[in-house]
């Protein structure tokens, strides 16, 4: 069964010809009708609004919006460098464990 919420889909995995499928369908529809799914989504969806300090608030107009910047590989160089360094360290530790275990 696939239950679509407001912003993204959610699904339940149930075995083929399961006697519980109808109960899942009815229960999920009830949760949607009552509005609990929308409420839970509001609780657990992260707040993506930017945080402002007092100094920034006094200098900037709140209605003024920052221009959106397209995410590119230039922005992610640090993450990839960290991934490579971590991989090299873990490979080194793995090799050292194999050497010491054979001793």
Protein backbone atom coordinates (compact mmCIF):
# COMPACT_ATOMS: atom_id res chain seq x y z
CA UNK A 1 0.00 0.00 0.00
CA UNK A 2 1.27 3.48 -0.74
CA UNK A 3 0.03 6.36 1.36
CA UNK A 4 0.84 9.80 -0.03
CA UNK A 5 1.39 12.48 2.54
CA UNK A 6 1.44 16.17 1.74
CA UNK A 7 5.13 16.55 0.92
CA UNK A 8 6.51 13.07 0.33
CA UNK A 9 5.24 9.49 -0.02
CA UNK A 10 5.41 6.85 2.67
CA UNK A 11 4.79 3.15 2.23
CA UNK A 12 4.00 0.06 4.26
CA UNK A 13 5.43 -3.32 3.34
CA UNK A 14 2.85 -6.09 3.70
CA UNK A 15 3.07 -9.67 2.44
CA UNK A 16 1.03 -10.72 -0.58
CA UNK A 17 -2.58 -11.66 0.27
CA UNK A 18 -2.01 -10.66 3.89
CA UNK A 19 -5.10 -10.50 6.13
CA UNK A 20 -3.68 -7.28 7.63
CA UNK A 21 -3.69 -5.29 4.38
CA UNK A 22 -7.26 -4.05 4.79
CA UNK A 23 -6.55 -2.98 8.39
CA UNK A 24 -3.49 -1.01 7.26
CA UNK A 25 -5.47 0.67 4.49
CA UNK A 26 -8.33 1.68 6.80
CA UNK A 27 -6.01 2.83 9.59
CA UNK A 28 -3.89 4.94 7.28
CA UNK A 29 -6.97 6.53 5.71
CA UNK A 30 -8.31 7.34 9.20
CA UNK A 31 -5.02 8.98 10.16
CA UNK A 32 -5.20 11.12 7.00
CA UNK A 33 -8.85 12.06 7.60
CA UNK A 34 -8.24 13.08 11.21
CA UNK A 35 -5.21 15.12 10.20
CA UNK A 36 -2.66 13.30 12.34
CA UNK A 37 -0.34 12.63 9.39
CA UNK A 38 -0.20 16.34 8.60
CA UNK A 39 0.41 17.15 12.29
CA UNK A 40 3.23 14.59 12.59
CA UNK A 41 4.77 15.87 9.39
CA UNK A 42 4.86 19.35 10.91
CA UNK A 43 6.54 18.01 14.04
CA UNK A 44 9.25 16.01 12.32
CA UNK A 45 9.98 18.09 9.21
CA UNK A 46 13.11 20.14 9.88
CA UNK A 47 12.82 23.91 9.97
CA UNK A 48 14.87 25.17 7.04
CA UNK A 49 14.50 28.88 7.69
CA UNK A 50 17.82 30.65 8.25
CA UNK A 51 18.82 31.65 11.77
CA UNK A 52 19.65 35.31 12.32
CA UNK A 53 21.59 36.88 15.15
CA UNK A 54 20.47 40.19 16.62
CA UNK A 55 23.17 42.09 14.75
CA UNK A 56 22.07 40.65 11.44
CA UNK A 57 18.44 41.45 12.22
CA UNK A 58 19.18 45.07 12.93
CA UNK A 59 21.24 45.49 9.75
CA UNK A 60 18.96 43.67 7.35
CA UNK A 61 15.38 44.15 6.45
CA UNK A 62 13.46 40.97 7.30
CA UNK A 63 11.55 41.13 4.04
CA UNK A 64 14.77 41.17 2.03
CA UNK A 65 15.62 37.69 0.80
CA UNK A 66 19.05 36.27 0.04
CA UNK A 67 19.48 35.10 -3.52
CA UNK A 68 19.53 31.34 -3.90
CA UNK A 69 22.87 29.83 -4.86
CA UNK A 70 23.04 26.73 -7.04
CA UNK A 71 24.80 23.82 -5.35
CA UNK A 72 27.83 22.68 -7.33
CA UNK A 73 30.89 20.49 -6.89
CA UNK A 74 32.88 23.55 -5.78
CA UNK A 75 30.69 23.70 -2.67
CA UNK A 76 31.28 20.01 -1.91
CA UNK A 77 35.07 19.80 -2.22
CA UNK A 78 35.52 19.66 1.56
CA UNK A 79 33.07 16.78 1.90
CA UNK A 80 34.81 14.77 -0.81
CA UNK A 81 38.25 15.48 0.69
CA UNK A 82 37.02 14.29 4.08
CA UNK A 83 35.58 11.15 2.46
CA UNK A 84 38.91 10.36 0.76
CA UNK A 85 40.94 10.96 3.93
CA UNK A 86 38.57 8.75 5.94
CA UNK A 87 38.77 5.99 3.35
CA UNK A 88 42.57 6.09 3.34
CA UNK A 89 42.73 5.96 7.14
CA UNK A 90 40.26 3.06 7.32
CA UNK A 91 42.21 1.16 4.64
CA UNK A 92 45.45 1.74 6.58
CA UNK A 93 43.87 0.50 9.82
CA UNK A 94 42.47 -2.57 8.03
CA UNK A 95 45.89 -3.46 6.62
CA UNK A 96 47.56 -2.97 10.02
CA UNK A 97 44.96 -5.22 11.72
CA UNK A 98 45.60 -7.93 9.17
CA UNK A 99 49.37 -7.67 9.69
CA UNK A 100 49.08 -7.84 13.49
CA UNK A 101 46.54 -10.69 13.42
CA UNK A 102 48.91 -12.88 11.37
CA UNK A 103 51.80 -12.31 13.80
